[in-house]
Amino acid sequence: LDTYLPKLVGSGFRVAICEQLEDAKKTKTIVKRGVTELITPGVAINDKILDHKLNNYLASVEFNGKQLGMALLDVSTGEFLVSQGSKDYIDKLLQSFQPSETIFAKPNQQKFKEYFGSQWYTFTIDDWVYGEDYAKQKLLDHFKVNSLKGFAIEQMKAATVAAGAILHYLGENQLTNLSQITKIQRIAKDQFVWL
C-alpha cells in the first residue's frame, strides 16, 4: 500500500481501500470485507502522498448563472475558503490555488471544460447535492450552528452551495472525522495581487 498508493493517487486515480470487517476466528463462512476508505487526489491525507511544502486543495464549483461559487478545502490542515464571482474570477482562483481535484454537478461537465479548460483533475457528482437547502444544512450541521452569519458568508449563496457539496463529497469518501475543519473563511478579492 505504501508503495503503490502514492503512485496511483499521483497519477489521478481514485483508490478504494478494502479491509476485513469481521474477525476470521469468529466466523466459519467467508469473512466479510468492505470499502473502508476512498482516496482521491483532493482528499488524500496520507503523509506519503502529500507534499508538505504545498497545500492539497479540493475545490468545488457551483454554476449559478453569472455568479459562480467556489469552495476550497485542504483536508489535511482544515483550511476552508469560499468565494464567488464571474467565471474569470473563478478561473483566477483555480490558477492561483491549483487544486488537486475539482468537483461539480454532472450536468455542468461541458460548461466546466468550456470555462476553465481540461487540464484539471475533475469528478462530477449528482446535481441534487448542489441544492441550496441541502448544501446549507450540511454546513450548519458540520459547524453546529443555526446560522452562517458568524462566518460572514450568509449572503454568498453560490459559495455556500459549493462548500456544502464539499462536505457531502468527503462523507461519500468515508471521511467522517473532520474535526480539523473548525471555520470557513471568505476569500476577499482585495487580499490578493493577481499576476
Protein backbone atom coordinates (compact mmCIF):
# COMPACT_ATOMS: atom_id res chain seq x y z
CA LEU A 1 0.00 0.00 0.00
CA ASP A 2 2.75 2.47 0.93
CA THR A 3 4.49 1.84 -2.38
CA TYR A 4 1.58 1.90 -4.81
CA LEU A 5 -0.94 4.25 -3.17
CA PRO A 6 1.13 7.45 -3.75
CA LYS A 7 1.80 6.41 -7.37
CA LEU A 8 -1.85 5.69 -8.14
CA VAL A 9 -3.22 8.83 -6.49
CA GLY A 10 -0.42 10.94 -8.00
CA SER A 11 -1.47 9.67 -11.43
CA GLY A 12 -5.04 10.85 -10.83
CA PHE A 13 -6.67 7.54 -9.90
CA ARG A 14 -9.33 7.08 -7.24
CA VAL A 15 -8.29 4.28 -4.87
CA ALA A 16 -10.72 2.26 -2.77
CA ILE A 17 -9.21 0.56 0.27
CA CYS A 18 -10.99 -2.62 1.32
CA GLU A 19 -10.43 -4.28 4.64
CA GLN A 20 -11.69 -7.26 6.58
CA LEU A 21 -14.73 -6.16 8.58
CA GLU A 22 -15.04 -9.11 10.97
CA ASP A 23 -12.74 -11.41 12.87
CA ALA A 24 -11.87 -14.58 10.93
CA LYS A 25 -11.83 -16.59 14.18
CA LYS A 26 -15.49 -15.76 14.90
CA THR A 27 -16.97 -16.97 11.62
CA LYS A 28 -16.94 -20.27 9.76
CA THR A 29 -18.00 -18.72 6.46
CA ILE A 30 -16.23 -16.27 4.21
CA VAL A 31 -15.02 -13.25 6.16
CA LYS A 32 -16.93 -10.07 5.37
CA ARG A 33 -14.89 -7.36 3.61
CA GLY A 34 -15.82 -3.86 2.53
CA VAL A 35 -14.58 -0.47 1.40
CA THR A 36 -13.29 1.44 4.42
CA GLU A 37 -11.72 4.41 2.66
CA LEU A 38 -11.78 6.05 -0.76
CA ILE A 39 -8.75 8.15 -1.59
CA THR A 40 -8.72 10.70 -4.39
CA PRO A 41 -6.13 13.38 -5.23
CA GLY A 42 -8.16 16.04 -3.38
CA VAL A 43 -8.92 14.08 -0.20
CA ALA A 44 -5.56 12.44 0.40
CA ILE A 45 -4.35 12.74 3.99
CA ASN A 46 -1.64 10.07 3.90
CA ASP A 47 1.84 11.54 4.64
CA LYS A 48 3.37 9.56 1.79
CA ILE A 49 1.02 11.17 -0.75
CA LEU A 50 1.11 14.79 0.43
CA ASP A 51 3.81 17.30 -0.41
CA HIS A 52 4.49 19.00 2.93
CA LYS A 53 5.51 22.26 1.23
CA LEU A 54 2.22 22.70 -0.65
CA ASN A 55 -1.46 22.80 0.22
CA ASN A 56 -3.56 19.98 -1.19
CA TYR A 57 -6.83 21.67 -2.11
CA LEU A 58 -10.09 20.04 -3.05
CA ALA A 59 -12.20 22.55 -4.99
CA SER A 60 -15.93 22.66 -5.60
CA VAL A 61 -17.55 24.87 -8.24
CA GLU A 62 -21.22 25.86 -8.29
CA PHE A 63 -22.62 27.20 -11.57
CA ASN A 64 -25.36 29.67 -10.69
CA GLY A 65 -25.96 31.92 -13.70
CA LYS A 66 -23.42 34.73 -13.89
CA GLN A 67 -22.31 34.26 -10.27
CA LEU A 68 -20.21 31.15 -9.85
CA GLY A 69 -19.39 29.89 -6.39
CA MET A 70 -16.20 28.20 -5.31
CA ALA A 71 -15.05 26.45 -2.18
CA LEU A 72 -11.50 25.26 -1.48
CA LEU A 73 -10.64 22.83 1.30
CA ASP A 74 -7.33 21.39 2.40
CA VAL A 75 -8.44 18.30 4.32
CA SER A 76 -5.03 17.84 5.95
CA THR A 77 -4.92 21.33 7.52
CA GLY A 78 -8.64 22.16 7.76
CA GLU A 79 -8.26 25.39 5.76
CA PHE A 80 -11.71 26.04 4.24
CA LEU A 81 -12.14 29.00 1.88
CA VAL A 82 -15.08 30.26 -0.19
CA SER A 83 -15.64 32.92 -2.80
CA GLN A 84 -17.95 33.77 -5.65
CA GLY A 85 -17.82 35.89 -8.75
CA SER A 86 -17.59 35.82 -12.53
CA LYS A 87 -16.14 32.91 -14.46
CA ASP A 88 -12.94 34.94 -14.99
CA TYR A 89 -12.56 35.46 -11.24
CA ILE A 90 -13.14 31.76 -10.51
CA ASP A 91 -10.59 30.91 -13.22
CA LYS A 92 -8.05 33.15 -11.44
CA LEU A 93 -8.73 31.29 -8.20
CA LEU A 94 -8.23 27.93 -9.90
CA GLN A 95 -4.95 29.13 -11.42
CA SER A 96 -3.75 30.56 -8.08
CA PHE A 97 -4.71 27.74 -5.71
CA GLN A 98 -4.04 24.86 -8.16
CA PRO A 99 -6.47 22.34 -6.59
CA SER A 100 -5.56 18.66 -6.82
CA GLU A 101 -9.18 17.81 -7.58
CA THR A 102 -12.25 19.81 -8.56
CA ILE A 103 -15.81 18.62 -8.14
CA PHE A 104 -19.03 19.98 -9.65
CA ALA A 105 -22.52 18.80 -10.64
CA LYS A 106 -22.72 16.29 -13.51
CA PRO A 107 -24.85 18.49 -15.82
CA ASN A 108 -22.08 21.14 -15.78
CA GLN A 109 -19.33 18.97 -17.25
CA GLN A 110 -19.31 20.67 -20.66
CA LYS A 111 -19.63 24.13 -19.11
CA PHE A 112 -16.63 23.49 -16.83
CA LYS A 113 -14.44 22.48 -19.78
CA GLU A 114 -15.63 25.47 -21.78
CA TYR A 115 -14.92 27.94 -18.96
CA PHE A 116 -11.75 26.50 -17.43
CA GLY A 117 -10.22 24.03 -19.90
CA SER A 118 -9.49 20.35 -19.45
CA GLN A 119 -6.18 20.47 -17.58
CA TRP A 120 -7.83 19.92 -14.18
CA TYR A 121 -8.48 16.62 -12.42
CA THR A 122 -12.26 16.67 -12.05
CA PHE A 123 -15.00 14.49 -10.66
CA THR A 124 -18.72 15.01 -11.12
CA ILE A 125 -21.38 14.33 -8.51
CA ASP A 126 -25.17 14.27 -8.56
CA ASP A 127 -26.73 17.69 -9.09
CA TRP A 128 -29.10 17.36 -6.09
CA VAL A 129 -26.02 17.72 -3.84
CA TYR A 130 -25.72 21.27 -5.18
CA GLY A 131 -29.22 22.15 -3.97
CA GLU A 132 -29.20 25.32 -1.86
CA ASP A 133 -31.13 23.94 1.13
CA TYR A 134 -29.21 20.66 1.28
CA ALA A 135 -25.77 22.27 0.99
CA LYS A 136 -26.56 24.93 3.60
CA GLN A 137 -27.81 22.27 6.02
CA LYS A 138 -24.55 20.30 5.58
CA LEU A 139 -22.60 23.40 6.67
CA LEU A 140 -24.91 24.15 9.61
CA ASP A 141 -24.69 20.55 10.81
CA HIS A 142 -20.91 20.40 10.49
CA PHE A 143 -20.23 23.66 12.35
CA LYS A 144 -23.08 23.02 14.82
CA VAL A 145 -24.59 26.48 14.31
CA ASN A 146 -28.04 27.85 13.48
CA SER A 147 -26.81 30.45 11.01
CA LEU A 148 -23.80 31.17 8.80
CA LYS A 149 -23.82 34.87 9.74
CA GLY A 150 -20.89 34.40 12.13
CA PHE A 151 -18.73 33.31 9.20
CA ALA A 152 -19.83 36.31 7.07
CA ILE A 153 -20.91 34.07 4.20
CA GLU A 154 -24.70 34.14 4.73
CA GLN A 155 -25.30 36.19 1.56
CA MET A 156 -22.87 34.18 -0.61
CA LYS A 157 -25.39 31.63 -1.89
CA ALA A 158 -23.30 30.12 -4.71
CA ALA A 159 -20.22 29.85 -2.47
CA THR A 160 -22.13 28.19 0.39
CA VAL A 161 -23.63 25.67 -2.02
CA ALA A 162 -20.12 24.80 -3.27
CA ALA A 163 -18.91 24.45 0.34
CA GLY A 164 -21.80 22.20 1.37
CA ALA A 165 -21.13 19.98 -1.64
CA ILE A 166 -17.52 19.50 -0.48
CA LEU A 167 -18.68 18.26 2.92
CA HIS A 168 -21.07 15.84 1.20
CA TYR A 169 -18.24 14.58 -1.01
CA LEU A 170 -15.99 13.94 2.00
CA GLY A 171 -18.75 11.87 3.59
CA GLU A 172 -19.13 9.87 0.38
CA ASN A 173 -15.39 9.14 0.52
CA GLN A 174 -15.68 7.69 4.03
CA LEU A 175 -14.00 10.71 5.66
CA THR A 176 -16.08 11.14 8.78
CA ASN A 177 -13.62 12.63 11.28
CA LEU A 178 -13.47 16.25 10.12
CA SER A 179 -12.72 17.86 13.48
CA GLN A 180 -9.82 19.82 11.95
CA ILE A 181 -12.32 21.88 9.90
CA THR A 182 -13.34 24.44 12.52
CA LYS A 183 -14.05 27.54 10.43
CA ILE A 184 -14.84 28.72 6.95
CA GLN A 185 -13.47 31.98 5.53
CA ARG A 186 -14.23 34.25 2.60
CA ILE A 187 -11.52 34.96 0.08
CA ALA A 188 -11.53 38.74 -0.11
CA LYS A 189 -10.69 39.94 -3.61
CA ASP A 190 -8.52 42.77 -2.31
CA GLN A 191 -6.28 40.41 -0.31
CA PHE A 192 -4.55 39.09 -3.42
CA VAL A 193 -2.41 40.62 -6.14
CA TRP A 194 -3.19 38.78 -9.38
CA LEU A 195 -0.13 38.19 -11.57
